[in-house]
Amino acid sequence: KNTVYLQMNSLKPEDTAVYFCATGGWRSSK
């Protein structure tokens, strides 16, 4: 499906944010 998921459990108020997905190649980077 060309789809990535993020399952978020035990959510906290500090998790409040705009969440973005990103891609760009084969390199794993933070």
PDB file of all heavy atoms in Angstrom:
ATOM      1  N   LYS A   1       0.804  -1.216   0.000  1.00  0.00           N
ATOM      2  CA  LYS A   1       0.000   0.000   0.000  1.00  0.00           C
ATOM      3  C   LYS A   1       0.838   1.267   0.000  1.00  0.00           C
ATOM      4  O   LYS A   1       0.280   2.367   0.027  1.00  0.00           O
ATOM      5  CB  LYS A   1      -0.932   0.013   1.206  1.00  0.00           C
ATOM      6  CG  LYS A   1      -1.943  -1.117   1.231  1.00  0.00           C
ATOM      7  CD  LYS A   1      -2.832  -1.021   2.463  1.00  0.00           C
ATOM      8  CE  LYS A   1      -3.871  -2.121   2.473  1.00  0.00           C
ATOM      9  NZ  LYS A   1      -4.743  -2.043   3.665  1.00  0.00           N
ATOM     10  N   ASN A   2       2.161   1.123  -0.020  1.00  0.00           N
ATOM     11  CA  ASN A   2       3.061   2.278   0.073  1.00  0.00           C
ATOM     12  C   ASN A   2       2.694   3.163   1.255  1.00  0.00           C
ATOM     13  O   ASN A   2       2.644   4.394   1.149  1.00  0.00           O
ATOM     14  CB  ASN A   2       3.054   3.085  -1.225  1.00  0.00           C
ATOM     15  CG  ASN A   2       3.784   2.404  -2.358  1.00  0.00           C
ATOM     16  OD1 ASN A   2       4.643   1.545  -2.143  1.00  0.00           O
ATOM     17  ND2 ASN A   2       3.456   2.777  -3.587  1.00  0.00           N
ATOM     18  N   THR A   3       2.448   2.526   2.377  1.00  0.00           N
ATOM     19  CA  THR A   3       1.966   3.233   3.552  1.00  0.00           C
ATOM     20  C   THR A   3       2.802   2.868   4.775  1.00  0.00           C
ATOM     21  O   THR A   3       3.172   1.707   4.960  1.00  0.00           O
ATOM     22  CB  THR A   3       0.492   2.906   3.822  1.00  0.00           C
ATOM     23  OG1 THR A   3      -0.298   3.321   2.699  1.00  0.00           O
ATOM     24  CG2 THR A   3      -0.013   3.624   5.062  1.00  0.00           C
ATOM     25  N   VAL A   4       3.082   3.866   5.585  1.00  0.00           N
ATOM     26  CA  VAL A   4       3.781   3.695   6.852  1.00  0.00           C
ATOM     27  C   VAL A   4       2.849   4.127   7.968  1.00  0.00           C
ATOM     28  O   VAL A   4       2.093   5.096   7.814  1.00  0.00           O
ATOM     29  CB  VAL A   4       5.092   4.499   6.881  1.00  0.00           C
ATOM     30  CG1 VAL A   4       5.750   4.421   8.253  1.00  0.00           C
ATOM     31  CG2 VAL A   4       6.044   3.990   5.817  1.00  0.00           C
ATOM     32  N   TYR A   5       2.915   3.429   9.088  1.00  0.00           N
ATOM     33  CA  TYR A   5       2.041   3.701  10.219  1.00  0.00           C
ATOM     34  C   TYR A   5       2.854   4.051  11.455  1.00  0.00           C
ATOM     35  O   TYR A   5       3.999   3.631  11.614  1.00  0.00           O
ATOM     36  CB  TYR A   5       1.170   2.483  10.527  1.00  0.00           C
ATOM     37  CG  TYR A   5       0.361   1.992   9.364  1.00  0.00           C
ATOM     38  CD1 TYR A   5       0.819   0.945   8.573  1.00  0.00           C
ATOM     39  CD2 TYR A   5      -0.859   2.576   9.048  1.00  0.00           C
ATOM     40  CE1 TYR A   5       0.083   0.490   7.493  1.00  0.00           C
ATOM     41  CE2 TYR A   5      -1.599   2.127   7.969  1.00  0.00           C
ATOM     42  CZ  TYR A   5      -1.128   1.082   7.197  1.00  0.00           C
ATOM     43  OH  TYR A   5      -1.867   0.639   6.128  1.00  0.00           O
ATOM     44  N   LEU A   6       2.241   4.804  12.328  1.00  0.00           N
ATOM     45  CA  LEU A   6       2.800   5.068  13.639  1.00  0.00           C
ATOM     46  C   LEU A   6       1.713   4.805  14.668  1.00  0.00           C
ATOM     47  O   LEU A   6       0.771   5.591  14.799  1.00  0.00           O
ATOM     48  CB  LEU A   6       3.315   6.504  13.758  1.00  0.00           C
ATOM     49  CG  LEU A   6       4.033   6.836  15.065  1.00  0.00           C
ATOM     50  CD1 LEU A   6       5.359   6.077  15.156  1.00  0.00           C
ATOM     51  CD2 LEU A   6       4.273   8.332  15.193  1.00  0.00           C
ATOM     52  N   GLN A   7       1.831   3.681  15.359  1.00  0.00           N
ATOM     53  CA  GLN A   7       0.906   3.349  16.434  1.00  0.00           C
ATOM     54  C   GLN A   7       1.394   4.011  17.704  1.00  0.00           C
ATOM     55  O   GLN A   7       2.521   3.776  18.146  1.00  0.00           O
ATOM     56  CB  GLN A   7       0.830   1.837  16.629  1.00  0.00           C
ATOM     57  CG  GLN A   7      -0.074   1.396  17.773  1.00  0.00           C
ATOM     58  CD  GLN A   7      -1.525   1.699  17.510  1.00  0.00           C
ATOM     59  OE1 GLN A   7      -2.024   1.448  16.409  1.00  0.00           O
ATOM     60  NE2 GLN A   7      -2.219   2.244  18.504  1.00  0.00           N
ATOM     61  N   MET A   8       0.569   4.849  18.291  1.00  0.00           N
ATOM     62  CA  MET A   8       0.934   5.621  19.465  1.00  0.00           C
ATOM     63  C   MET A   8       0.046   5.197  20.625  1.00  0.00           C
ATOM     64  O   MET A   8      -1.165   5.407  20.595  1.00  0.00           O
ATOM     65  CB  MET A   8       0.795   7.121  19.202  1.00  0.00           C
ATOM     66  CG  MET A   8       1.576   7.603  17.991  1.00  0.00           C
ATOM     67  SD  MET A   8       1.507   9.406  17.779  1.00  0.00           S
ATOM     68  CE  MET A   8      -0.243   9.597  17.432  1.00  0.00           C
ATOM     69  N   ASN A   9       0.652   4.602  21.632  1.00  0.00           N
ATOM     70  CA  ASN A   9      -0.060   4.162  22.821  1.00  0.00           C
ATOM     71  C   ASN A   9       0.375   4.980  24.028  1.00  0.00           C
ATOM     72  O   ASN A   9       1.426   5.618  24.020  1.00  0.00           O
ATOM     73  CB  ASN A   9       0.202   2.676  23.082  1.00  0.00           C
ATOM     74  CG  ASN A   9      -0.296   1.780  21.981  1.00  0.00           C
ATOM     75  OD1 ASN A   9      -1.285   2.074  21.317  1.00  0.00           O
ATOM     76  ND2 ASN A   9       0.386   0.649  21.785  1.00  0.00           N
ATOM     77  N   SER A  10      -0.430   4.934  25.069  1.00  0.00           N
ATOM     78  CA  SER A  10      -0.124   5.639  26.314  1.00  0.00           C
ATOM     79  C   SER A  10       0.261   7.084  26.063  1.00  0.00           C
ATOM     80  O   SER A  10       1.275   7.582  26.568  1.00  0.00           O
ATOM     81  CB  SER A  10       0.993   4.903  27.069  1.00  0.00           C
ATOM     82  OG  SER A  10       0.624   3.573  27.359  1.00  0.00           O
ATOM     83  N   LEU A  11      -0.541   7.764  25.293  1.00  0.00           N
ATOM     84  CA  LEU A  11      -0.225   9.136  24.904  1.00  0.00           C
ATOM     85  C   LEU A  11      -0.206  10.063  26.112  1.00  0.00           C
ATOM     86  O   LEU A  11      -0.987   9.905  27.050  1.00  0.00           O
ATOM     87  CB  LEU A  11      -1.225   9.633  23.872  1.00  0.00           C
ATOM     88  CG  LEU A  11      -0.992   9.088  22.464  1.00  0.00           C
ATOM     89  CD1 LEU A  11      -2.230   9.275  21.599  1.00  0.00           C
ATOM     90  CD2 LEU A  11       0.209   9.786  21.823  1.00  0.00           C
ATOM     91  N   LYS A  12       0.705  11.025  26.047  1.00  0.00           N
ATOM     92  CA  LYS A  12       0.899  12.004  27.099  1.00  0.00           C
ATOM     93  C   LYS A  12       0.672  13.400  26.536  1.00  0.00           C
ATOM     94  O   LYS A  12       0.825  13.615  25.339  1.00  0.00           O
ATOM     95  CB  LYS A  12       2.323  11.915  27.659  1.00  0.00           C
ATOM     96  CG  LYS A  12       2.722  10.543  28.170  1.00  0.00           C
ATOM     97  CD  LYS A  12       4.186  10.529  28.569  1.00  0.00           C
ATOM     98  CE  LYS A  12       4.607   9.162  29.061  1.00  0.00           C
ATOM     99  NZ  LYS A  12       6.042   9.144  29.443  1.00  0.00           N
ATOM    100  N   PRO A  13       0.331  14.360  27.385  1.00  0.00           N
ATOM    101  CA  PRO A  13       0.169  15.730  26.893  1.00  0.00           C
ATOM    102  C   PRO A  13       1.401  16.246  26.142  1.00  0.00           C
ATOM    103  O   PRO A  13       1.250  17.012  25.183  1.00  0.00           O
ATOM    104  CB  PRO A  13      -0.087  16.529  28.170  1.00  0.00           C
ATOM    105  CG  PRO A  13      -0.755  15.557  29.074  1.00  0.00           C
ATOM    106  CD  PRO A  13      -0.076  14.243  28.800  1.00  0.00           C
ATOM    107  N   GLU A  14       2.589  15.834  26.550  1.00  0.00           N
ATOM    108  CA  GLU A  14       3.797  16.276  25.877  1.00  0.00           C
ATOM    109  C   GLU A  14       3.972  15.678  24.487  1.00  0.00           C
ATOM    110  O   GLU A  14       4.881  16.074  23.754  1.00  0.00           O
ATOM    111  CB  GLU A  14       5.045  15.986  26.731  1.00  0.00           C
ATOM    112  CG  GLU A  14       5.123  14.559  27.233  1.00  0.00           C
ATOM    113  CD  GLU A  14       4.599  14.411  28.654  1.00  0.00           C
ATOM    114  OE1 GLU A  14       3.535  14.973  28.961  1.00  0.00           O
ATOM    115  OE2 GLU A  14       5.276  13.732  29.455  1.00  0.00           O
ATOM    116  N   ASP A  15       3.118  14.731  24.102  1.00  0.00           N
ATOM    117  CA  ASP A  15       3.111  14.216  22.739  1.00  0.00           C
ATOM    118  C   ASP A  15       2.346  15.122  21.787  1.00  0.00           C
ATOM    119  O   ASP A  15       2.357  14.882  20.571  1.00  0.00           O
ATOM    120  CB  ASP A  15       2.498  12.817  22.693  1.00  0.00           C
ATOM    121  CG  ASP A  15       3.321  11.784  23.440  1.00  0.00           C
ATOM    122  OD1 ASP A  15       4.557  11.806  23.322  1.00  0.00           O
ATOM    123  OD2 ASP A  15       2.710  10.945  24.141  1.00  0.00           O
ATOM    124  N   THR A  16       1.677  16.125  22.310  1.00  0.00           N
ATOM    125  CA  THR A  16       0.921  17.050  21.479  1.00  0.00           C
ATOM    126  C   THR A  16       1.848  17.750  20.495  1.00  0.00           C
ATOM    127  O   THR A  16       2.835  18.372  20.891  1.00  0.00           O
ATOM    128  CB  THR A  16       0.192  18.079  22.345  1.00  0.00           C
ATOM    129  OG1 THR A  16      -0.796  17.422  23.140  1.00  0.00           O
ATOM    130  CG2 THR A  16      -0.497  19.133  21.480  1.00  0.00           C
ATOM    131  N   ALA A  17       1.539  17.643  19.211  1.00  0.00           N
ATOM    132  CA  ALA A  17       2.385  18.214  18.168  1.00  0.00           C
ATOM    133  C   ALA A  17       1.744  17.968  16.818  1.00  0.00           C
ATOM    134  O   ALA A  17       0.785  17.200  16.698  1.00  0.00           O
ATOM    135  CB  ALA A  17       3.784  17.581  18.196  1.00  0.00           C
ATOM    136  N   VAL A  18       2.289  18.616  15.803  1.00  0.00           N
ATOM    137  CA  VAL A  18       1.994  18.251  14.435  1.00  0.00           C
ATOM    138  C   VAL A  18       2.980  17.161  14.036  1.00  0.00           C
ATOM    139  O   VAL A  18       4.197  17.334  14.184  1.00  0.00           O
ATOM    140  CB  VAL A  18       2.108  19.450  13.474  1.00  0.00           C
ATOM    141  CG1 VAL A  18       1.866  19.007  12.037  1.00  0.00           C
ATOM    142  CG2 VAL A  18       1.112  20.531  13.863  1.00  0.00           C
ATOM    143  N   TYR A  19       2.473  16.053  13.548  1.00  0.00           N
ATOM    144  CA  TYR A  19       3.298  14.920  13.174  1.00  0.00           C
ATOM    145  C   TYR A  19       3.467  14.879  11.659  1.00  0.00           C
ATOM    146  O   TYR A  19       2.486  14.943  10.913  1.00  0.00           O
ATOM    147  CB  TYR A  19       2.686  13.616  13.668  1.00  0.00           C
ATOM    148  CG  TYR A  19       2.884  13.400  15.143  1.00  0.00           C
ATOM    149  CD1 TYR A  19       2.197  14.168  16.070  1.00  0.00           C
ATOM    150  CD2 TYR A  19       3.781  12.438  15.614  1.00  0.00           C
ATOM    151  CE1 TYR A  19       2.398  13.994  17.425  1.00  0.00           C
ATOM    152  CE2 TYR A  19       3.979  12.256  16.968  1.00  0.00           C
ATOM    153  CZ  TYR A  19       3.289  13.029  17.872  1.00  0.00           C
ATOM    154  OH  TYR A  19       3.485  12.850  19.213  1.00  0.00           O
ATOM    155  N   PHE A  20       4.714  14.766  11.216  1.00  0.00           N
ATOM    156  CA  PHE A  20       5.064  14.742   9.806  1.00  0.00           C
ATOM    157  C   PHE A  20       5.721  13.419   9.448  1.00  0.00           C
ATOM    158  O   PHE A  20       6.532  12.900  10.214  1.00  0.00           O
ATOM    159  CB  PHE A  20       6.062  15.859   9.465  1.00  0.00           C
ATOM    160  CG  PHE A  20       5.581  17.247   9.751  1.00  0.00           C
ATOM    161  CD1 PHE A  20       5.793  17.830  10.984  1.00  0.00           C
ATOM    162  CD2 PHE A  20       4.930  17.974   8.773  1.00  0.00           C
ATOM    163  CE1 PHE A  20       5.369  19.118  11.248  1.00  0.00           C
ATOM    164  CE2 PHE A  20       4.501  19.264   9.020  1.00  0.00           C
ATOM    165  CZ  PHE A  20       4.718  19.833  10.260  1.00  0.00           C
ATOM    166  N   CYS A  21       5.395  12.890   8.284  1.00  0.00           N
ATOM    167  CA  CYS A  21       6.192  11.795   7.750  1.00  0.00           C
ATOM    168  C   CYS A  21       7.144  12.349   6.696  1.00  0.00           C
ATOM    169  O   CYS A  21       6.895  13.396   6.093  1.00  0.00           O
ATOM    170  CB  CYS A  21       5.334  10.666   7.190  1.00  0.00           C
ATOM    171  SG  CYS A  21       4.323  11.084   5.768  1.00  0.00           S
ATOM    172  N   ALA A  22       8.251  11.642   6.501  1.00  0.00           N
ATOM    173  CA  ALA A  22       9.294  12.121   5.612  1.00  0.00           C
ATOM    174  C   ALA A  22      10.020  10.941   4.985  1.00  0.00           C
ATOM    175  O   ALA A  22      10.101   9.855   5.563  1.00  0.00           O
ATOM    176  CB  ALA A  22      10.292  12.998   6.372  1.00  0.00           C
ATOM    177  N   THR A  23      10.568  11.179   3.802  1.00  0.00           N
ATOM    178  CA  THR A  23      11.375  10.180   3.126  1.00  0.00           C
ATOM    179  C   THR A  23      12.379  10.884   2.224  1.00  0.00           C
ATOM    180  O   THR A  23      12.287  12.092   1.998  1.00  0.00           O
ATOM    181  CB  THR A  23      10.498   9.208   2.314  1.00  0.00           C
ATOM    182  OG1 THR A  23      11.274   8.090   1.868  1.00  0.00           O
ATOM    183  CG2 THR A  23       9.895   9.906   1.101  1.00  0.00           C
ATOM    184  N   GLY A  24      13.343  10.129   1.707  1.00  0.00           N
ATOM    185  CA  GLY A  24      14.315  10.765   0.836  1.00  0.00           C
ATOM    186  C   GLY A  24      15.345   9.845   0.230  1.00  0.00           C
ATOM    187  O   GLY A  24      16.105  10.249  -0.638  1.00  0.00           O
ATOM    188  N   GLY A  25      15.371   8.590   0.682  1.00  0.00           N
ATOM    189  CA  GLY A  25      16.345   7.661   0.153  1.00  0.00           C
ATOM    190  C   GLY A  25      16.512   6.451   1.028  1.00  0.00           C
ATOM    191  O   GLY A  25      15.573   6.039   1.707  1.00  0.00           O
ATOM    192  N   TRP A  26      17.712   5.908   1.015  1.00  0.00           N
ATOM    193  CA  TRP A  26      17.985   4.664   1.715  1.00  0.00           C
ATOM    194  C   TRP A  26      18.772   4.846   3.002  1.00  0.00           C
ATOM    195  O   TRP A  26      19.041   3.862   3.689  1.00  0.00           O
ATOM    196  CB  TRP A  26      18.756   3.716   0.793  1.00  0.00           C
ATOM    197  CG  TRP A  26      17.984   3.311  -0.419  1.00  0.00           C
ATOM    198  CD1 TRP A  26      17.128   2.263  -0.536  1.00  0.00           C
ATOM    199  CD2 TRP A  26      17.996   3.956  -1.693  1.00  0.00           C
ATOM    200  NE1 TRP A  26      16.601   2.204  -1.803  1.00  0.00           N
ATOM    201  CE2 TRP A  26      17.125   3.229  -2.536  1.00  0.00           C
ATOM    202  CE3 TRP A  26      18.663   5.066  -2.206  1.00  0.00           C
ATOM    203  CZ2 TRP A  26      16.895   3.594  -3.859  1.00  0.00           C
ATOM    204  CZ3 TRP A  26      18.438   5.420  -3.529  1.00  0.00           C
ATOM    205  CH2 TRP A  26      17.564   4.691  -4.333  1.00  0.00           C
ATOM    206  N   ARG A  27      19.136   6.068   3.350  1.00  0.00           N
ATOM    207  CA  ARG A  27      19.951   6.315   4.526  1.00  0.00           C
ATOM    208  C   ARG A  27      19.075   6.491   5.748  1.00  0.00           C
ATOM    209  O   ARG A  27      18.137   7.294   5.752  1.00  0.00           O
ATOM    210  CB  ARG A  27      20.822   7.545   4.319  1.00  0.00           C
ATOM    211  CG  ARG A  27      21.699   7.889   5.516  1.00  0.00           C
ATOM    212  CD  ARG A  27      22.556   9.102   5.240  1.00  0.00           C
ATOM    213  NE  ARG A  27      23.509   8.846   4.182  1.00  0.00           N
ATOM    214  CZ  ARG A  27      24.342   9.753   3.699  1.00  0.00           C
ATOM    215  NH1 ARG A  27      24.336  10.986   4.191  1.00  0.00           N
ATOM    216  NH2 ARG A  27      25.175   9.429   2.720  1.00  0.00           N
ATOM    217  N   SER A  28      19.370   5.760   6.797  1.00  0.00           N
ATOM    218  CA  SER A  28      18.677   5.907   8.074  1.00  0.00           C
ATOM    219  C   SER A  28      19.313   7.046   8.855  1.00  0.00           C
ATOM    220  O   SER A  28      20.501   7.031   9.137  1.00  0.00           O
ATOM    221  CB  SER A  28      18.758   4.615   8.887  1.00  0.00           C
ATOM    222  OG  SER A  28      18.069   3.559   8.243  1.00  0.00           O
ATOM    223  N   SER A  29      18.495   8.031   9.209  1.00  0.00           N
ATOM    224  CA  SER A  29      19.016   9.195   9.911  1.00  0.00           C
ATOM    225  C   SER A  29      17.939   9.807  10.784  1.00  0.00           C
ATOM    226  O   SER A  29      16.765   9.833  10.416  1.00  0.00           O
ATOM    227  CB  SER A  29      19.529  10.239   8.919  1.00  0.00           C
ATOM    228  OG  SER A  29      19.971  11.404   9.578  1.00  0.00           O
ATOM    229  N   LYS A  30      18.365  10.317  11.943  1.00  0.00           N
ATOM    230  CA  LYS A  30      17.482  11.066  12.826  1.00  0.00           C
ATOM    231  C   LYS A  30      17.504  12.558  12.521  1.00  0.00           C
ATOM    232  O   LYS A  30      16.795  13.327  13.178  1.00  0.00           O
ATOM    233  CB  LYS A  30      17.882  10.835  14.282  1.00  0.00           C
ATOM    234  CG  LYS A  30      17.789   9.378  14.727  1.00  0.00           C
ATOM    235  CD  LYS A  30      18.225   9.230  16.170  1.00  0.00           C
ATOM    236  CE  LYS A  30      18.148   7.779  16.617  1.00  0.00           C
ATOM    237  NZ  LYS A  30      18.574   7.628  18.029  1.00  0.00           N
TER     238      LYS A  30
END
